[in-house]
Amino acid sequence: MNEDALRALVRDAIARIQSGAPLPPDDVIAPPRPLPFARHASHYRYGGLPETDGPCLIEPAVQCNHCGYCQSHGH
């Protein structure tokens, strides 16, 4: 779309609004829908890993704070 076509589109929209024409009913204008939830392997967590208050599996010098990094490849 070039600049002239965009200007014509904006002029048409402004003219429709200023003319006082009634808006289309709600059933004509569909409300936006959220994107469907898509599961992805990067969001899965491994089962069976220890969930203790012991040392972190990734950095053993640090206490585990249950961030889930070791269970999900950090995603």
Protein backbone atom coordinates (compact mmCIF):
# COMPACT_ATOMS: atom_id res chain seq x y z
CA MET A 1 0.00 0.00 0.00
CA ASN A 2 1.49 3.32 -1.00
CA GLU A 3 1.06 6.66 0.73
CA ASP A 4 -1.70 7.89 -1.60
CA ALA A 5 -3.79 4.75 -1.04
CA LEU A 6 -3.34 5.07 2.72
CA ARG A 7 -4.40 8.71 2.67
CA ALA A 8 -7.51 7.82 0.63
CA LEU A 9 -8.37 5.07 3.11
CA VAL A 10 -8.03 7.47 6.05
CA ARG A 11 -10.11 10.13 4.28
CA ASP A 12 -12.88 7.59 3.61
CA ALA A 13 -12.89 6.46 7.23
CA ILE A 14 -13.06 10.05 8.51
CA ALA A 15 -15.86 10.88 6.06
CA ARG A 16 -17.89 7.86 7.25
CA ILE A 17 -17.46 8.86 10.89
CA GLN A 18 -18.35 12.50 10.27
CA SER A 19 -21.40 11.63 8.18
CA GLY A 20 -23.12 10.21 11.24
CA ALA A 21 -23.91 6.91 9.52
CA PRO A 22 -24.95 4.24 11.99
CA LEU A 23 -22.33 1.73 13.01
CA PRO A 24 -22.80 -1.90 11.93
CA PRO A 25 -24.42 -4.17 14.53
CA ASP A 26 -22.22 -6.06 16.97
CA ASP A 27 -22.81 -9.38 15.22
CA VAL A 28 -21.20 -8.00 12.05
CA ILE A 29 -18.03 -6.92 13.83
CA ALA A 30 -16.48 -10.02 15.38
CA PRO A 31 -14.63 -9.40 18.63
CA PRO A 32 -10.95 -10.31 18.56
CA ARG A 33 -10.18 -13.79 19.77
CA PRO A 34 -7.11 -14.77 21.76
CA LEU A 35 -4.62 -17.06 20.09
CA PRO A 36 -5.18 -20.72 20.92
CA PHE A 37 -2.87 -22.20 23.53
CA ALA A 38 -0.27 -24.31 21.79
CA ARG A 39 1.71 -26.79 23.80
CA HIS A 40 5.37 -26.94 22.98
CA ALA A 41 8.06 -29.33 24.14
CA SER A 42 10.11 -26.47 25.55
CA HIS A 43 7.44 -25.93 28.23
CA TYR A 44 7.32 -29.53 29.47
CA ARG A 45 8.88 -30.46 32.78
CA TYR A 46 10.57 -33.73 33.58
CA GLY A 47 9.02 -35.88 36.26
CA GLY A 48 10.98 -37.84 38.80
CA LEU A 49 13.62 -35.24 39.54
CA PRO A 50 14.08 -34.60 43.24
CA GLU A 51 12.02 -31.78 44.66
CA THR A 52 13.92 -31.46 47.91
CA ASP A 53 15.39 -28.50 49.72
CA GLY A 54 18.88 -29.84 49.02
CA PRO A 55 21.49 -28.44 46.67
CA CYS A 56 20.59 -27.27 43.19
CA LEU A 57 21.15 -29.86 40.45
CA ILE A 58 22.62 -27.24 38.11
CA GLU A 59 24.73 -25.34 40.64
CA PRO A 60 25.35 -27.60 43.67
CA ALA A 61 26.93 -24.81 45.75
CA VAL A 62 23.52 -23.09 45.91
CA GLN A 63 20.41 -24.18 47.80
CA CYS A 64 17.52 -25.35 45.57
CA ASN A 65 14.81 -22.70 45.29
CA HIS A 66 12.49 -24.80 43.06
CA CYS A 67 12.82 -22.58 39.99
CA GLY A 68 12.28 -25.54 37.66
CA TYR A 69 15.31 -24.81 35.49
CA CYS A 70 16.67 -28.33 35.88
CA GLN A 71 13.27 -29.82 35.03
CA SER A 72 12.68 -27.89 31.82
CA HIS A 73 16.02 -27.23 30.11
CA GLY A 74 15.73 -23.68 31.41
CA HIS A 75 12.64 -22.71 29.41
